[in-house]
Amino acid sequence: MKKVAIFASGSGSNAENIINYFENDTENVVKIVFCNKPNAYVLERAKRLGVPSFVFNRDEFYHSGLVINELRRLEIDFIVLAGFMWKVPDAIIEAYPDRIVNIHPALLPSYGGKGMYGMHVHDAVIAAGEKESGITIHYVNGHYDEGAALFQAKCTITPEDTPDTLAEKVHALEYEHFPRVIKEVLEKL
């Protein structure tokens, strides 16, 4: 059985969707949710779903072996970033080559990089007058949003769309595709 860790920083709707998707999977299990914010709602979701969580701070993440040691202790095989806002340290990337994926709320390489997350992305896409947006599921490397793309899905932007309505369209794509793509990648490990 492959053991998955989800890293999240906020509400955790994608994390919940992934946990539910793998709930009855006999080959893969979401073992734990790692979170860098002690008050993030993702922790409530994980608790309600019976998934343990592990909270850490910036110093523990970047300047100690606490997180990577916990990943090793739990024998984690794969890491999913689901709304996790910090850059992953090189030590974790090196320990999990091509075993860390992220989802970005735009069609990379456009609208990616440091500071481009959540509503910042949707605001920029609408302001630029784009005709489409979507999601990119990609491997994580040492640079924001530059890992190899695994999957993209698109949605049309109408003249009536706002950053909020675009966010709803993008979230629908995330919920539909992210768990399935994770499963496809896990099957290749």
N, C-alpha and C. Protein backbone atom coordinates (compact mmCIF):
# COMPACT_ATOMS: atom_id res chain seq x y z
N MET A 1 0.84 -1.19 0.00
CA MET A 1 0.00 0.00 0.00
C MET A 1 0.88 1.25 0.00
N LYS A 2 0.56 2.20 -0.89
CA LYS A 2 1.30 3.45 -0.95
C LYS A 2 0.68 4.45 0.02
N LYS A 3 1.56 5.10 0.78
CA LYS A 3 1.13 6.05 1.80
C LYS A 3 1.34 7.48 1.30
N VAL A 4 0.28 8.27 1.37
CA VAL A 4 0.28 9.63 0.85
C VAL A 4 0.19 10.62 2.01
N ALA A 5 0.97 11.69 1.91
CA ALA A 5 0.86 12.83 2.83
C ALA A 5 0.36 14.02 2.05
N ILE A 6 -0.60 14.73 2.61
CA ILE A 6 -1.11 15.96 2.00
C ILE A 6 -0.57 17.13 2.81
N PHE A 7 -0.02 18.12 2.11
CA PHE A 7 0.41 19.37 2.74
C PHE A 7 -0.61 20.44 2.34
N ALA A 8 -1.14 21.15 3.32
CA ALA A 8 -2.14 22.19 3.07
C ALA A 8 -1.94 23.34 4.04
N SER A 9 -2.42 24.52 3.64
CA SER A 9 -2.26 25.71 4.47
C SER A 9 -3.57 26.40 4.84
N GLY A 10 -4.67 26.01 4.20
CA GLY A 10 -5.88 26.80 4.39
C GLY A 10 -7.11 25.99 4.70
N SER A 11 -8.17 26.24 3.94
CA SER A 11 -9.47 25.64 4.17
C SER A 11 -9.46 24.13 4.03
N GLY A 12 -8.75 23.63 3.04
CA GLY A 12 -8.61 22.19 2.89
C GLY A 12 -9.68 21.50 2.08
N SER A 13 -10.39 22.24 1.22
CA SER A 13 -11.44 21.58 0.42
C SER A 13 -10.83 20.57 -0.55
N ASN A 14 -9.69 20.88 -1.15
CA ASN A 14 -9.04 19.90 -2.02
C ASN A 14 -8.53 18.71 -1.22
N ALA A 15 -7.98 18.98 -0.06
CA ALA A 15 -7.51 17.88 0.80
C ALA A 15 -8.66 16.95 1.15
N GLU A 16 -9.80 17.51 1.54
CA GLU A 16 -10.97 16.70 1.86
C GLU A 16 -11.41 15.87 0.66
N ASN A 17 -11.44 16.49 -0.51
CA ASN A 17 -11.84 15.79 -1.73
C ASN A 17 -10.90 14.61 -2.01
N ILE A 18 -9.61 14.81 -1.80
CA ILE A 18 -8.62 13.75 -2.04
C ILE A 18 -8.78 12.63 -1.00
N ILE A 19 -8.94 13.00 0.26
CA ILE A 19 -9.13 12.01 1.32
C ILE A 19 -10.36 11.15 1.02
N ASN A 20 -11.45 11.80 0.65
CA ASN A 20 -12.68 11.06 0.33
C ASN A 20 -12.48 10.15 -0.88
N TYR A 21 -11.75 10.62 -1.88
CA TYR A 21 -11.52 9.83 -3.10
C TYR A 21 -10.79 8.53 -2.77
N PHE A 22 -9.82 8.60 -1.87
CA PHE A 22 -9.01 7.44 -1.55
C PHE A 22 -9.54 6.63 -0.35
N GLU A 23 -10.68 7.02 0.18
CA GLU A 23 -11.20 6.40 1.40
C GLU A 23 -11.30 4.87 1.31
N ASN A 24 -11.78 4.35 0.21
CA ASN A 24 -11.95 2.91 0.06
C ASN A 24 -10.94 2.28 -0.89
N ASP A 25 -9.87 3.02 -1.20
CA ASP A 25 -8.84 2.51 -2.10
C ASP A 25 -8.01 1.45 -1.35
N THR A 26 -7.82 0.32 -1.96
CA THR A 26 -7.08 -0.76 -1.31
C THR A 26 -5.59 -0.70 -1.59
N GLU A 27 -5.17 0.20 -2.48
CA GLU A 27 -3.75 0.29 -2.85
C GLU A 27 -3.07 1.56 -2.35
N ASN A 28 -3.85 2.57 -1.98
CA ASN A 28 -3.31 3.87 -1.57
C ASN A 28 -4.10 4.40 -0.38
N VAL A 29 -3.40 5.10 0.51
CA VAL A 29 -4.07 5.66 1.68
C VAL A 29 -3.48 7.03 1.99
N VAL A 30 -4.36 7.98 2.31
CA VAL A 30 -3.90 9.27 2.82
C VAL A 30 -3.61 9.06 4.29
N LYS A 31 -2.33 9.09 4.63
CA LYS A 31 -1.87 8.73 5.97
C LYS A 31 -1.92 9.91 6.94
N ILE A 32 -1.69 11.14 6.41
CA ILE A 32 -1.55 12.30 7.30
C ILE A 32 -1.72 13.60 6.52
N VAL A 33 -2.13 14.64 7.22
CA VAL A 33 -2.16 16.00 6.67
C VAL A 33 -1.13 16.83 7.43
N PHE A 34 -0.20 17.41 6.70
CA PHE A 34 0.78 18.32 7.27
C PHE A 34 0.28 19.75 7.04
N CYS A 35 0.41 20.59 8.06
CA CYS A 35 -0.10 21.96 7.94
C CYS A 35 0.82 22.94 8.66
N ASN A 36 1.02 24.09 8.04
CA ASN A 36 1.89 25.12 8.60
C ASN A 36 1.10 26.22 9.33
N LYS A 37 -0.19 26.04 9.49
CA LYS A 37 -1.00 27.04 10.18
C LYS A 37 -1.87 26.32 11.23
N PRO A 38 -1.60 26.57 12.51
CA PRO A 38 -2.31 25.83 13.56
C PRO A 38 -3.82 26.08 13.60
N ASN A 39 -4.30 27.14 12.97
CA ASN A 39 -5.73 27.44 12.98
C ASN A 39 -6.40 27.18 11.63
N ALA A 40 -5.70 26.55 10.70
CA ALA A 40 -6.26 26.30 9.38
C ALA A 40 -7.42 25.32 9.46
N TYR A 41 -8.45 25.57 8.68
CA TYR A 41 -9.64 24.73 8.72
C TYR A 41 -9.37 23.32 8.21
N VAL A 42 -8.31 23.15 7.41
CA VAL A 42 -7.96 21.81 6.94
C VAL A 42 -7.75 20.84 8.10
N LEU A 43 -7.29 21.35 9.23
CA LEU A 43 -7.07 20.49 10.40
C LEU A 43 -8.40 19.95 10.94
N GLU A 44 -9.44 20.79 10.90
CA GLU A 44 -10.78 20.34 11.33
C GLU A 44 -11.31 19.29 10.36
N ARG A 45 -11.10 19.53 9.07
CA ARG A 45 -11.56 18.57 8.06
C ARG A 45 -10.86 17.22 8.27
N ALA A 46 -9.54 17.25 8.45
CA ALA A 46 -8.79 16.01 8.63
C ALA A 46 -9.28 15.25 9.86
N LYS A 47 -9.48 15.98 10.96
CA LYS A 47 -9.97 15.34 12.19
C LYS A 47 -11.32 14.68 11.97
N ARG A 48 -12.22 15.41 11.32
CA ARG A 48 -13.56 14.88 11.05
C ARG A 48 -13.49 13.62 10.19
N LEU A 49 -12.52 13.56 9.29
CA LEU A 49 -12.38 12.42 8.38
C LEU A 49 -11.50 11.31 8.95
N GLY A 50 -11.01 11.51 10.17
CA GLY A 50 -10.21 10.47 10.83
C GLY A 50 -8.78 10.37 10.33
N VAL A 51 -8.27 11.47 9.76
CA VAL A 51 -6.89 11.48 9.27
C VAL A 51 -6.05 12.30 10.24
N PRO A 52 -4.95 11.74 10.75
CA PRO A 52 -4.10 12.50 11.67
C PRO A 52 -3.50 13.72 10.98
N SER A 53 -3.09 14.69 11.78
CA SER A 53 -2.43 15.87 11.22
C SER A 53 -1.16 16.15 12.00
N PHE A 54 -0.31 16.94 11.37
CA PHE A 54 0.98 17.30 11.95
C PHE A 54 1.20 18.78 11.63
N VAL A 55 1.29 19.61 12.66
CA VAL A 55 1.46 21.05 12.49
C VAL A 55 2.91 21.43 12.77
N PHE A 56 3.44 22.29 11.93
CA PHE A 56 4.83 22.73 12.07
C PHE A 56 4.92 24.22 11.76
N ASN A 57 6.00 24.84 12.23
CA ASN A 57 6.21 26.26 11.95
C ASN A 57 7.33 26.44 10.92
N ARG A 58 7.55 27.67 10.54
CA ARG A 58 8.53 27.98 9.49
C ARG A 58 9.92 27.49 9.86
N ASP A 59 10.34 27.74 11.09
CA ASP A 59 11.68 27.33 11.52
C ASP A 59 11.82 25.80 11.47
N GLU A 60 10.80 25.10 11.93
CA GLU A 60 10.83 23.63 11.90
C GLU A 60 10.87 23.10 10.48
N PHE A 61 10.21 23.79 9.56
CA PHE A 61 10.15 23.34 8.16
C PHE A 61 11.48 23.56 7.43
N TYR A 62 12.05 24.73 7.65
CA TYR A 62 13.24 25.11 6.87
C TYR A 62 14.57 24.86 7.58
N HIS A 63 14.58 24.79 8.90
CA HIS A 63 15.86 24.76 9.61
C HIS A 63 16.00 23.58 10.57
N SER A 64 15.15 22.58 10.40
CA SER A 64 15.31 21.38 11.23
C SER A 64 14.90 20.18 10.38
N GLY A 65 15.13 19.01 10.88
CA GLY A 65 14.73 17.80 10.18
C GLY A 65 13.37 17.28 10.63
N LEU A 66 12.63 18.08 11.38
CA LEU A 66 11.38 17.62 11.97
C LEU A 66 10.40 17.06 10.94
N VAL A 67 10.13 17.81 9.88
CA VAL A 67 9.13 17.39 8.91
C VAL A 67 9.60 16.18 8.12
N ILE A 68 10.82 16.23 7.61
CA ILE A 68 11.31 15.09 6.82
C ILE A 68 11.44 13.84 7.68
N ASN A 69 11.80 14.01 8.93
CA ASN A 69 11.87 12.85 9.83
C ASN A 69 10.49 12.24 10.06
N GLU A 70 9.46 13.07 10.16
CA GLU A 70 8.10 12.56 10.33
C GLU A 70 7.64 11.85 9.05
N LEU A 71 7.99 12.39 7.90
CA LEU A 71 7.66 11.72 6.64
C LEU A 71 8.31 10.34 6.59
N ARG A 72 9.56 10.27 7.00
CA ARG A 72 10.27 8.98 7.00
C ARG A 72 9.70 8.02 8.04
N ARG A 73 9.39 8.53 9.22
CA ARG A 73 8.85 7.69 10.28
C ARG A 73 7.55 7.02 9.84
N LEU A 74 6.73 7.76 9.12
CA LEU A 74 5.46 7.25 8.63
C LEU A 74 5.60 6.46 7.33
N GLU A 75 6.82 6.40 6.82
CA GLU A 75 7.11 5.69 5.56
C GLU A 75 6.24 6.21 4.41
N ILE A 76 6.16 7.54 4.31
CA ILE A 76 5.38 8.19 3.25
C ILE A 76 6.04 7.93 1.90
N ASP A 77 5.22 7.56 0.92
CA ASP A 77 5.70 7.29 -0.43
C ASP A 77 5.52 8.47 -1.37
N PHE A 78 4.53 9.33 -1.08
CA PHE A 78 4.14 10.35 -2.04
C PHE A 78 3.57 11.55 -1.31
N ILE A 79 3.85 12.74 -1.82
CA ILE A 79 3.39 13.98 -1.19
C ILE A 79 2.53 14.76 -2.18
N VAL A 80 1.39 15.25 -1.68
CA VAL A 80 0.48 16.08 -2.47
C VAL A 80 0.40 17.45 -1.81
N LEU A 81 0.67 18.49 -2.57
CA LEU A 81 0.47 19.85 -2.09
C LEU A 81 -0.92 20.29 -2.54
N ALA A 82 -1.76 20.58 -1.59
CA ALA A 82 -3.15 20.96 -1.89
C ALA A 82 -3.44 22.29 -1.18
N GLY A 83 -3.04 23.37 -1.83
CA GLY A 83 -3.19 24.68 -1.20
C GLY A 83 -2.13 24.94 -0.16
N PHE A 84 -0.95 24.41 -0.39
CA PHE A 84 0.17 24.64 0.52
C PHE A 84 0.98 25.80 -0.04
N MET A 85 1.21 26.83 0.77
CA MET A 85 1.74 28.09 0.26
C MET A 85 3.25 28.28 0.39
N TRP A 86 3.95 27.40 1.05
CA TRP A 86 5.40 27.58 1.21
C TRP A 86 6.17 26.76 0.19
N LYS A 87 7.31 27.28 -0.20
CA LYS A 87 8.22 26.56 -1.09
C LYS A 87 8.78 25.35 -0.32
N VAL A 88 8.78 24.20 -0.96
CA VAL A 88 9.26 22.98 -0.32
C VAL A 88 10.78 22.99 -0.26
N PRO A 89 11.37 22.72 0.90
CA PRO A 89 12.83 22.72 1.02
C PRO A 89 13.48 21.66 0.13
N ASP A 90 14.69 21.97 -0.33
CA ASP A 90 15.42 21.07 -1.21
C ASP A 90 15.58 19.67 -0.61
N ALA A 91 15.79 19.58 0.69
CA ALA A 91 15.99 18.26 1.32
C ALA A 91 14.78 17.36 1.11
N ILE A 92 13.58 17.91 1.17
CA ILE A 92 12.37 17.11 0.96
C ILE A 92 12.23 16.77 -0.53
N ILE A 93 12.50 17.74 -1.39
CA ILE A 93 12.42 17.48 -2.84
C ILE A 93 13.41 16.39 -3.23
N GLU A 94 14.61 16.44 -2.68
CA GLU A 94 15.62 15.43 -3.00
C GLU A 94 15.25 14.06 -2.44
N ALA A 95 14.56 14.02 -1.30
CA ALA A 95 14.15 12.75 -0.70
C ALA A 95 12.95 12.13 -1.44
N TYR A 96 12.21 12.95 -2.18
CA TYR A 96 11.01 12.51 -2.90
C TYR A 96 11.05 12.95 -4.37
N PRO A 97 12.06 12.51 -5.12
CA PRO A 97 12.14 12.94 -6.53
C PRO A 97 10.96 12.39 -7.34
N ASP A 98 10.29 13.28 -8.04
CA ASP A 98 9.10 12.93 -8.83
C ASP A 98 8.05 12.22 -7.99
N ARG A 99 7.99 12.58 -6.71
CA ARG A 99 6.99 12.02 -5.80
C ARG A 99 6.30 13.13 -5.01
N ILE A 100 6.36 14.35 -5.54
CA ILE A 100 5.64 15.48 -4.96
C ILE A 100 4.89 16.17 -6.09
N VAL A 101 3.57 16.32 -5.93
CA VAL A 101 2.78 17.02 -6.94
C VAL A 101 2.05 18.18 -6.30
N ASN A 102 1.76 19.16 -7.15
CA ASN A 102 1.05 20.37 -6.73
C ASN A 102 -0.03 20.65 -7.77
N ILE A 103 -1.03 21.40 -7.36
CA ILE A 103 -2.03 21.88 -8.31
C ILE A 103 -1.97 23.40 -8.32
N HIS A 104 -2.01 23.98 -9.53
CA HIS A 104 -1.96 25.43 -9.68
C HIS A 104 -3.23 25.88 -10.39
N PRO A 105 -3.84 26.99 -9.95
CA PRO A 105 -5.12 27.42 -10.52
C PRO A 105 -5.00 28.27 -11.78
N ALA A 106 -4.13 27.84 -12.69
CA ALA A 106 -3.99 28.51 -13.99
C ALA A 106 -3.28 27.56 -14.93
N LEU A 107 -3.19 27.95 -16.17
CA LEU A 107 -2.53 27.13 -17.18
C LEU A 107 -1.07 27.54 -17.25
N LEU A 108 -0.25 26.84 -16.47
CA LEU A 108 1.18 27.14 -16.46
C LEU A 108 1.75 26.87 -17.85
N PRO A 109 2.78 27.62 -18.27
CA PRO A 109 3.62 28.49 -17.44
C PRO A 109 3.06 29.89 -17.18
N SER A 110 1.90 30.22 -17.75
CA SER A 110 1.31 31.54 -17.50
C SER A 110 0.78 31.62 -16.08
N TYR A 111 0.90 32.78 -15.48
CA TYR A 111 0.34 33.09 -14.17
C TYR A 111 0.84 32.18 -13.05
N GLY A 112 2.12 31.86 -13.12
CA GLY A 112 2.75 31.07 -12.08
C GLY A 112 3.87 31.85 -11.43
N GLY A 113 4.50 31.25 -10.45
CA GLY A 113 5.64 31.86 -9.78
C GLY A 113 5.28 32.40 -8.41
N LYS A 114 6.28 32.93 -7.74
CA LYS A 114 6.11 33.44 -6.38
C LYS A 114 5.02 34.50 -6.34
N GLY A 115 4.14 34.39 -5.39
CA GLY A 115 3.05 35.35 -5.22
C GLY A 115 1.83 35.08 -6.06
N MET A 116 1.92 34.12 -6.97
CA MET A 116 0.78 33.80 -7.82
C MET A 116 0.07 32.57 -7.25
N TYR A 117 -0.92 32.84 -6.42
CA TYR A 117 -1.71 31.77 -5.81
C TYR A 117 -3.12 32.30 -5.56
N GLY A 118 -4.06 31.38 -5.48
CA GLY A 118 -5.44 31.73 -5.14
C GLY A 118 -6.01 32.87 -5.96
N MET A 119 -6.64 33.80 -5.29
CA MET A 119 -7.32 34.90 -5.98
C MET A 119 -6.34 35.82 -6.71
N HIS A 120 -5.09 35.85 -6.32
CA HIS A 120 -4.10 36.66 -7.05
C HIS A 120 -4.04 36.19 -8.51
N VAL A 121 -4.10 34.87 -8.70
CA VAL A 121 -4.06 34.31 -10.05
C VAL A 121 -5.31 34.71 -10.82
N HIS A 122 -6.47 34.51 -10.22
CA HIS A 122 -7.73 34.80 -10.92
C HIS A 122 -7.86 36.29 -11.23
N ASP A 123 -7.43 37.15 -10.31
CA ASP A 123 -7.43 38.60 -10.57
C ASP A 123 -6.58 38.92 -11.79
N ALA A 124 -5.38 38.33 -11.86
CA ALA A 124 -4.46 38.61 -12.96
C ALA A 124 -4.99 38.09 -14.29
N VAL A 125 -5.57 36.91 -14.27
CA VAL A 125 -6.12 36.32 -15.50
C VAL A 125 -7.26 37.18 -16.04
N ILE A 126 -8.18 37.60 -15.18
CA ILE A 126 -9.30 38.45 -15.60
C ILE A 126 -8.79 39.81 -16.08
N ALA A 127 -7.85 40.39 -15.33
CA ALA A 127 -7.30 41.71 -15.71
C ALA A 127 -6.62 41.67 -17.07
N ALA A 128 -6.04 40.55 -17.43
CA ALA A 128 -5.34 40.42 -18.71
C ALA A 128 -6.29 40.15 -19.87
N GLY A 129 -7.57 39.92 -19.57
CA GLY A 129 -8.54 39.68 -20.63
C GLY A 129 -8.41 38.31 -21.28
N GLU A 130 -7.91 37.34 -20.55
CA GLU A 130 -7.75 36.00 -21.12
C GLU A 130 -9.12 35.40 -21.48
N LYS A 131 -9.09 34.52 -22.47
CA LYS A 131 -10.32 33.85 -22.93
C LYS A 131 -10.51 32.48 -22.28
N GLU A 132 -9.41 31.95 -21.66
CA GLU A 132 -9.52 30.68 -20.95
C GLU A 132 -8.52 30.64 -19.81
N SER A 133 -8.84 29.78 -18.86
CA SER A 133 -7.94 29.52 -17.74
C SER A 133 -8.09 28.04 -17.44
N GLY A 134 -7.68 27.64 -16.23
CA GLY A 134 -7.82 26.24 -15.89
C GLY A 134 -6.90 25.84 -14.76
N ILE A 135 -6.49 24.58 -14.78
CA ILE A 135 -5.61 24.05 -13.75
C ILE A 135 -4.40 23.38 -14.39
N THR A 136 -3.33 23.35 -13.63
CA THR A 136 -2.16 22.57 -14.00
C THR A 136 -1.76 21.75 -12.79
N ILE A 137 -1.65 20.45 -12.99
CA ILE A 137 -1.12 19.55 -11.97
C ILE A 137 0.30 19.23 -12.40
N HIS A 138 1.25 19.49 -11.50
CA HIS A 138 2.65 19.36 -11.90
C HIS A 138 3.51 18.80 -10.77
N TYR A 139 4.65 18.25 -11.18
CA TYR A 139 5.64 17.84 -10.19
C TYR A 139 6.24 19.08 -9.56
N VAL A 140 6.73 18.92 -8.34
CA VAL A 140 7.34 20.02 -7.60
C VAL A 140 8.86 19.89 -7.71
N ASN A 141 9.49 21.01 -8.06
CA ASN A 141 10.95 21.08 -8.02
C ASN A 141 11.34 22.26 -7.15
N GLY A 142 12.57 22.73 -7.27
CA GLY A 142 13.06 23.79 -6.40
C GLY A 142 12.60 25.19 -6.75
N HIS A 143 11.73 25.34 -7.74
CA HIS A 143 11.25 26.66 -8.17
C HIS A 143 9.72 26.66 -8.20
N TYR A 144 9.13 27.77 -7.80
CA TYR A 144 7.67 27.87 -7.80
C TYR A 144 7.10 27.58 -9.18
N ASP A 145 6.22 26.61 -9.25
CA ASP A 145 5.40 26.32 -10.43
C ASP A 145 6.19 26.01 -11.69
N GLU A 146 7.40 25.47 -11.55
CA GLU A 146 8.22 25.17 -12.72
C GLU A 146 8.43 23.68 -12.95
N GLY A 147 7.90 22.82 -12.10
CA GLY A 147 8.05 21.38 -12.30
C GLY A 147 7.27 20.91 -13.51
N ALA A 148 7.66 19.77 -14.04
CA ALA A 148 7.03 19.22 -15.25
C ALA A 148 5.52 19.05 -15.05
N ALA A 149 4.76 19.51 -16.05
CA ALA A 149 3.31 19.39 -15.99
C ALA A 149 2.88 17.94 -16.24
N LEU A 150 1.94 17.48 -15.44
CA LEU A 150 1.35 16.15 -15.59
C LEU A 150 0.01 16.21 -16.31
N PHE A 151 -0.73 17.30 -16.09
CA PHE A 151 -2.10 17.38 -16.59
C PHE A 151 -2.56 18.83 -16.57
N GLN A 152 -3.33 19.20 -17.59
CA GLN A 152 -4.00 20.49 -17.60
C GLN A 152 -5.46 20.30 -18.01
N ALA A 153 -6.32 21.10 -17.45
CA ALA A 153 -7.73 21.15 -17.86
C ALA A 153 -8.10 22.62 -18.00
N LYS A 154 -8.92 22.92 -19.00
CA LYS A 154 -9.26 24.31 -19.30
C LYS A 154 -10.72 24.61 -19.05
N CYS A 155 -10.97 25.90 -18.81
CA CYS A 155 -12.34 26.40 -18.76
C CYS A 155 -12.38 27.71 -19.54
N THR A 156 -13.53 27.99 -20.11
CA THR A 156 -13.71 29.22 -20.88
C THR A 156 -14.02 30.37 -19.94
N ILE A 157 -13.47 31.53 -20.28
CA ILE A 157 -13.78 32.76 -19.53
C ILE A 157 -14.71 33.60 -20.39
N THR A 158 -15.86 33.94 -19.85
CA THR A 158 -16.81 34.77 -20.58
C THR A 158 -16.61 36.23 -20.19
N PRO A 159 -17.13 37.16 -20.99
CA PRO A 159 -17.01 38.58 -20.62
C PRO A 159 -17.65 38.91 -19.27
N GLU A 160 -18.61 38.10 -18.86
CA GLU A 160 -19.31 38.34 -17.58
C GLU A 160 -18.53 37.82 -16.38
N ASP A 161 -17.53 36.99 -16.62
CA ASP A 161 -16.79 36.39 -15.50
C ASP A 161 -16.04 37.43 -14.69
N THR A 162 -15.99 37.17 -13.39
CA THR A 162 -15.22 37.96 -12.44
C THR A 162 -14.16 37.03 -11.84
N PRO A 163 -13.21 37.55 -11.09
CA PRO A 163 -12.28 36.64 -10.41
C PRO A 163 -13.01 35.60 -9.55
N ASP A 164 -14.12 35.98 -8.92
CA ASP A 164 -14.86 35.03 -8.08
C ASP A 164 -15.53 33.92 -8.90
N THR A 165 -16.15 34.28 -10.02
CA THR A 165 -16.78 33.24 -10.84
C THR A 165 -15.73 32.37 -11.51
N LEU A 166 -14.60 32.95 -11.88
CA LEU A 166 -13.51 32.15 -12.44
C LEU A 166 -12.99 31.17 -11.39
N ALA A 167 -12.86 31.64 -10.15
CA ALA A 167 -12.40 30.76 -9.07
C ALA A 167 -13.33 29.56 -8.92
N GLU A 168 -14.65 29.77 -9.04
CA GLU A 168 -15.61 28.67 -8.94
C GLU A 168 -15.38 27.65 -10.07
N LYS A 169 -15.15 28.15 -11.28
CA LYS A 169 -14.92 27.24 -12.42
C LYS A 169 -13.63 26.44 -12.21
N VAL A 170 -12.60 27.11 -11.74
CA VAL A 170 -11.31 26.45 -11.53
C VAL A 170 -11.42 25.42 -10.40
N HIS A 171 -12.12 25.78 -9.32
CA HIS A 171 -12.30 24.81 -8.22
C HIS A 171 -13.02 23.55 -8.71
N ALA A 172 -14.00 23.72 -9.57
CA ALA A 172 -14.71 22.56 -10.11
C ALA A 172 -13.74 21.65 -10.87
N LEU A 173 -12.83 22.23 -11.63
CA LEU A 173 -11.83 21.44 -12.34
C LEU A 173 -10.89 20.74 -11.35
N GLU A 174 -10.51 21.45 -10.29
CA GLU A 174 -9.63 20.84 -9.28
C GLU A 174 -10.28 19.61 -8.66
N TYR A 175 -11.53 19.76 -8.24
CA TYR A 175 -12.23 18.66 -7.58
C TYR A 175 -12.41 17.48 -8.53
N GLU A 176 -12.68 17.77 -9.79
CA GLU A 176 -12.91 16.71 -10.77
C GLU A 176 -11.63 15.93 -11.10
N HIS A 177 -10.52 16.64 -11.26
CA HIS A 177 -9.33 16.01 -11.83
C HIS A 177 -8.20 15.67 -10.86
N PHE A 178 -8.01 16.45 -9.79
CA PHE A 178 -6.82 16.27 -8.95
C PHE A 178 -6.72 14.86 -8.36
N PRO A 179 -7.77 14.33 -7.70
CA PRO A 179 -7.64 12.99 -7.13
C PRO A 179 -7.34 11.92 -8.19
N ARG A 180 -7.99 12.02 -9.34
CA ARG A 180 -7.79 11.03 -10.40
C ARG A 180 -6.36 11.05 -10.91
N VAL A 181 -5.81 12.24 -11.12
CA VAL A 181 -4.43 12.35 -11.62
C VAL A 181 -3.45 11.82 -10.56
N ILE A 182 -3.71 12.12 -9.29
CA ILE A 182 -2.87 11.58 -8.22
C ILE A 182 -2.86 10.05 -8.29
N LYS A 183 -4.05 9.46 -8.44
CA LYS A 183 -4.14 8.00 -8.52
C LYS A 183 -3.36 7.46 -9.71
N GLU A 184 -3.44 8.13 -10.85
CA GLU A 184 -2.69 7.70 -12.04
C GLU A 184 -1.19 7.72 -11.78
N VAL A 185 -0.72 8.76 -11.11
CA VAL A 185 0.71 8.85 -10.80
C VAL A 185 1.10 7.76 -9.81
N LEU A 186 0.29 7.53 -8.81
CA LEU A 186 0.58 6.49 -7.82
C LEU A 186 0.65 5.11 -8.47
N GLU A 187 -0.18 4.87 -9.46
CA GLU A 187 -0.17 3.57 -10.13
C GLU A 187 1.13 3.31 -10.88
N LYS A 188 1.86 4.37 -11.21
CA LYS A 188 3.12 4.23 -11.95
C LYS A 188 4.33 4.08 -11.03
N LEU A 189 4.13 4.28 -9.73
CA LEU A 189 5.26 4.19 -8.78
C LEU A 189 5.66 2.73 -8.55
